[in-house]
Amino acid sequence: MAVPSVSIYHRNYEQIRNLLRLIRLEAELTQTQLAERLGVGQSYVSKIERGESFVDLLIYVKWCEACSAAPGETLDRFLTRS
């Protein structure tokens, strides 16, 4: 069974990126501070927020936790918006 191809520019990815940026801002973290907590470079955080990189599930979970946001509740916020 083939997996459907979804563009990085798909509306749902844009909504996820916007939500991740929002929870970072709600946590009052800069991209650099979040990157340090994730163990990645600031440019990686920036690329995710700008839509230049896919959001991996494990990074999503770590991102939420680094921002003191429950991954499940954050997913619920996404699902109620889409």
C-alpha atoms as a PDB file:
ATOM      1  CA  MET A   1       0.000   0.000   0.000  1.00  0.00           C
ATOM      2  CA  ALA A   2       1.484   3.311  -1.064  1.00  0.00           C
ATOM      3  CA  VAL A   3       1.810   6.149   1.407  1.00  0.00           C
ATOM      4  CA  PRO A   4       0.208   9.334   0.073  1.00  0.00           C
ATOM      5  CA  SER A   5       2.627  12.142  -0.624  1.00  0.00           C
ATOM      6  CA  VAL A   6       2.009  15.316   1.364  1.00  0.00           C
ATOM      7  CA  SER A   7       3.876  18.480   0.572  1.00  0.00           C
ATOM      8  CA  ILE A   8       5.729  20.337   3.292  1.00  0.00           C
ATOM      9  CA  TYR A   9       3.594  23.296   2.229  1.00  0.00           C
ATOM     10  CA  HIS A  10       0.300  21.499   2.882  1.00  0.00           C
ATOM     11  CA  ARG A  11      -2.157  23.513   4.984  1.00  0.00           C
ATOM     12  CA  ASN A  12      -1.983  21.022   7.869  1.00  0.00           C
ATOM     13  CA  TYR A  13       1.804  21.309   8.097  1.00  0.00           C
ATOM     14  CA  GLU A  14       1.450  25.079   8.117  1.00  0.00           C
ATOM     15  CA  GLN A  15      -1.010  24.809  11.011  1.00  0.00           C
ATOM     16  CA  ILE A  16       1.341  22.531  12.954  1.00  0.00           C
ATOM     17  CA  ARG A  17       4.265  24.907  12.383  1.00  0.00           C
ATOM     18  CA  ASN A  18       2.181  27.871  13.512  1.00  0.00           C
ATOM     19  CA  LEU A  19       1.076  26.006  16.619  1.00  0.00           C
ATOM     20  CA  LEU A  20       4.637  24.983  17.502  1.00  0.00           C
ATOM     21  CA  ARG A  21       5.776  28.583  17.097  1.00  0.00           C
ATOM     22  CA  LEU A  22       2.859  29.725  19.267  1.00  0.00           C
ATOM     23  CA  ILE A  23       3.700  27.360  22.122  1.00  0.00           C
ATOM     24  CA  ARG A  24       7.351  28.462  21.924  1.00  0.00           C
ATOM     25  CA  LEU A  25       6.251  32.077  22.241  1.00  0.00           C
ATOM     26  CA  GLU A  26       3.798  31.218  25.036  1.00  0.00           C
ATOM     27  CA  ALA A  27       6.733  29.616  26.870  1.00  0.00           C
ATOM     28  CA  GLU A  28       8.648  32.884  26.307  1.00  0.00           C
ATOM     29  CA  LEU A  29      11.525  31.051  24.643  1.00  0.00           C
ATOM     30  CA  THR A  30      13.693  32.334  21.835  1.00  0.00           C
ATOM     31  CA  GLN A  31      14.559  30.008  18.987  1.00  0.00           C
ATOM     32  CA  THR A  32      18.065  29.750  20.441  1.00  0.00           C
ATOM     33  CA  GLN A  33      16.795  28.788  23.898  1.00  0.00           C
ATOM     34  CA  LEU A  34      14.471  26.166  22.445  1.00  0.00           C
ATOM     35  CA  ALA A  35      17.242  24.810  20.230  1.00  0.00           C
ATOM     36  CA  GLU A  36      19.474  24.365  23.280  1.00  0.00           C
ATOM     37  CA  ARG A  37      16.736  22.408  25.050  1.00  0.00           C
ATOM     38  CA  LEU A  38      16.243  20.230  21.963  1.00  0.00           C
ATOM     39  CA  GLY A  39      19.959  19.691  21.389  1.00  0.00           C
ATOM     40  CA  VAL A  40      19.800  21.129  17.872  1.00  0.00           C
ATOM     41  CA  GLY A  41      20.979  24.298  16.192  1.00  0.00           C
ATOM     42  CA  GLN A  42      18.874  27.467  16.126  1.00  0.00           C
ATOM     43  CA  SER A  43      18.705  27.232  12.341  1.00  0.00           C
ATOM     44  CA  TYR A  44      16.856  23.898  12.631  1.00  0.00           C
ATOM     45  CA  VAL A  45      14.155  25.494  14.794  1.00  0.00           C
ATOM     46  CA  SER A  46      13.944  28.374  12.331  1.00  0.00           C
ATOM     47  CA  LYS A  47      13.626  26.021   9.353  1.00  0.00           C
ATOM     48  CA  ILE A  48      10.761  24.167  11.002  1.00  0.00           C
ATOM     49  CA  GLU A  49       8.948  27.397  11.830  1.00  0.00           C
ATOM     50  CA  ARG A  50       9.465  28.734   8.283  1.00  0.00           C
ATOM     51  CA  GLY A  51       8.352  25.510   6.625  1.00  0.00           C
ATOM     52  CA  GLU A  52      11.718  24.503   5.250  1.00  0.00           C
ATOM     53  CA  SER A  53      11.905  21.262   7.237  1.00  0.00           C
ATOM     54  CA  PHE A  54       9.391  18.575   8.177  1.00  0.00           C
ATOM     55  CA  VAL A  55       8.366  18.192  11.804  1.00  0.00           C
ATOM     56  CA  ASP A  56       9.470  14.749  12.964  1.00  0.00           C
ATOM     57  CA  LEU A  57       7.187  13.121  15.557  1.00  0.00           C
ATOM     58  CA  LEU A  58       9.970  12.808  18.131  1.00  0.00           C
ATOM     59  CA  ILE A  59      11.000  16.444  17.649  1.00  0.00           C
ATOM     60  CA  TYR A  60       7.335  17.417  18.012  1.00  0.00           C
ATOM     61  CA  VAL A  61       7.160  15.654  21.392  1.00  0.00           C
ATOM     62  CA  LYS A  62      10.491  17.095  22.568  1.00  0.00           C
ATOM     63  CA  TRP A  63       9.458  20.585  21.344  1.00  0.00           C
ATOM     64  CA  CYS A  64       6.219  20.446  23.334  1.00  0.00           C
ATOM     65  CA  GLU A  65       7.957  19.174  26.451  1.00  0.00           C
ATOM     66  CA  ALA A  66      10.700  21.821  26.150  1.00  0.00           C
ATOM     67  CA  CYS A  67       7.940  24.445  26.099  1.00  0.00           C
ATOM     68  CA  SER A  68       6.165  22.837  29.095  1.00  0.00           C
ATOM     69  CA  ALA A  69       3.234  21.936  26.863  1.00  0.00           C
ATOM     70  CA  ALA A  70       1.669  18.486  26.941  1.00  0.00           C
ATOM     71  CA  PRO A  71       2.113  16.864  23.505  1.00  0.00           C
ATOM     72  CA  GLY A  72      -1.386  15.346  23.617  1.00  0.00           C
ATOM     73  CA  GLU A  73      -3.065  18.623  24.543  1.00  0.00           C
ATOM     74  CA  THR A  74      -1.090  20.413  21.840  1.00  0.00           C
ATOM     75  CA  LEU A  75      -2.244  17.811  19.324  1.00  0.00           C
ATOM     76  CA  ASP A  76      -5.832  18.393  20.482  1.00  0.00           C
ATOM     77  CA  ARG A  77      -5.352  22.127  19.826  1.00  0.00           C
ATOM     78  CA  PHE A  78      -4.208  21.277  16.294  1.00  0.00           C
ATOM     79  CA  LEU A  79      -7.102  18.901  15.657  1.00  0.00           C
ATOM     80  CA  THR A  80      -9.713  21.416  16.787  1.00  0.00           C
ATOM     81  CA  ARG A  81      -8.238  24.012  14.399  1.00  0.00           C
ATOM     82  CA  SER A  82      -7.990  21.806  11.298  1.00  0.00           C
END
